[in-house]
Amino acid sequence: MLIRLRRLKNTALAMVCAALAGCAALECDTNWYETGRRDGLIGAETQVEYYSGRCDGNVDVLRYLEGWHAGTAMRPRISAM
């Protein structure tokens, strides 16, 4: 029983650390074109407002949107029959 509790504690600790690392992944001095391209490529809506909130408004909106449009254009299209 004690071994199970230790494993559970270690697993929970590892999950918390992983979550915190994921939240800290955005650096506000990032390449905004590449960030936008990645968001567009995965099909996400623009995240300008989210990033502006996280980075106190220090977002190159034009570069982000250029990248987002480029990423969106790279997504596969389903042709109509």
Protein backbone atom coordinates (compact mmCIF):
# COMPACT_ATOMS: atom_id res chain seq x y z
CA MET A 1 0.00 0.00 0.00
CA LEU A 2 2.81 2.42 0.87
CA ILE A 3 4.53 1.73 -2.48
CA ARG A 4 1.30 2.56 -4.35
CA LEU A 5 0.97 5.84 -2.47
CA ARG A 6 4.56 6.78 -3.33
CA ARG A 7 4.00 5.94 -6.99
CA LEU A 8 0.82 7.99 -7.02
CA LYS A 9 2.61 10.92 -5.37
CA ASN A 10 5.51 10.73 -7.84
CA THR A 11 3.13 10.49 -10.79
CA ALA A 12 1.12 13.48 -9.58
CA LEU A 13 4.30 15.49 -9.04
CA ALA A 14 5.53 14.64 -12.54
CA MET A 15 2.20 15.71 -14.06
CA VAL A 16 2.25 19.04 -12.23
CA CYS A 17 5.82 19.70 -13.37
CA ALA A 18 4.92 18.85 -16.97
CA ALA A 19 1.88 21.13 -16.86
CA LEU A 20 3.91 24.01 -15.46
CA ALA A 21 6.60 23.52 -18.09
CA GLY A 22 3.95 23.59 -20.84
CA CYS A 23 2.47 26.80 -19.50
CA ALA A 24 5.86 28.45 -19.42
CA ALA A 25 6.68 27.44 -22.99
CA LEU A 26 5.56 30.74 -24.55
CA GLU A 27 8.34 33.28 -24.56
CA CYS A 28 7.21 36.79 -25.32
CA ASP A 29 10.31 37.58 -27.39
CA THR A 30 9.42 34.76 -29.75
CA ASN A 31 9.41 34.71 -33.56
CA TRP A 32 5.81 35.84 -34.03
CA TYR A 33 5.69 34.79 -37.68
CA GLU A 34 6.62 31.21 -36.73
CA THR A 35 4.17 31.18 -33.82
CA GLY A 36 1.38 32.33 -36.14
CA ARG A 37 2.38 29.83 -38.82
CA ARG A 38 2.27 26.99 -36.30
CA ASP A 39 -1.16 28.08 -35.04
CA GLY A 40 -2.51 28.35 -38.58
CA LEU A 41 -1.05 25.01 -39.59
CA ILE A 42 -2.81 23.17 -36.77
CA GLY A 43 -6.10 24.88 -37.66
CA ALA A 44 -6.32 27.08 -34.58
CA GLU A 45 -8.12 30.40 -34.70
CA THR A 46 -5.83 33.40 -34.29
CA GLN A 47 -4.49 33.61 -30.76
CA VAL A 48 -3.47 37.30 -30.87
CA GLU A 49 -5.65 38.29 -27.92
CA TYR A 50 -4.41 35.36 -25.84
CA TYR A 51 -0.75 36.11 -26.57
CA SER A 52 -1.27 39.83 -25.98
CA GLY A 53 -2.65 39.05 -22.54
CA ARG A 54 0.21 36.71 -21.73
CA CYS A 55 2.86 39.11 -23.02
CA ASP A 56 1.44 42.45 -21.83
CA GLY A 57 0.64 43.49 -25.40
CA ASN A 58 4.18 42.87 -26.69
CA VAL A 59 3.06 40.96 -29.78
CA ASP A 60 4.03 41.77 -33.36
CA VAL A 61 0.47 41.37 -34.61
CA LEU A 62 1.28 41.89 -38.30
CA ARG A 63 4.05 39.25 -38.30
CA TYR A 64 1.85 36.84 -36.32
CA LEU A 65 -1.04 37.24 -38.78
CA GLU A 66 1.27 36.87 -41.79
CA GLY A 67 2.49 33.60 -40.32
CA TRP A 68 -1.01 32.50 -39.40
CA HIS A 69 -2.24 33.04 -42.97
CA ALA A 70 0.79 31.17 -44.34
CA GLY A 71 0.15 28.25 -41.97
CA THR A 72 -3.54 28.19 -42.82
CA ALA A 73 -2.69 28.11 -46.54
CA MET A 74 -0.49 25.04 -45.94
CA ARG A 75 -3.38 23.02 -44.51
CA PRO A 76 -4.73 20.29 -46.77
CA ARG A 77 -7.99 21.12 -48.50
CA ILE A 78 -10.82 18.69 -49.07
CA SER A 79 -11.96 18.96 -52.65
CA ALA A 80 -15.67 19.10 -53.42
CA MET A 81 -17.15 16.22 -55.35
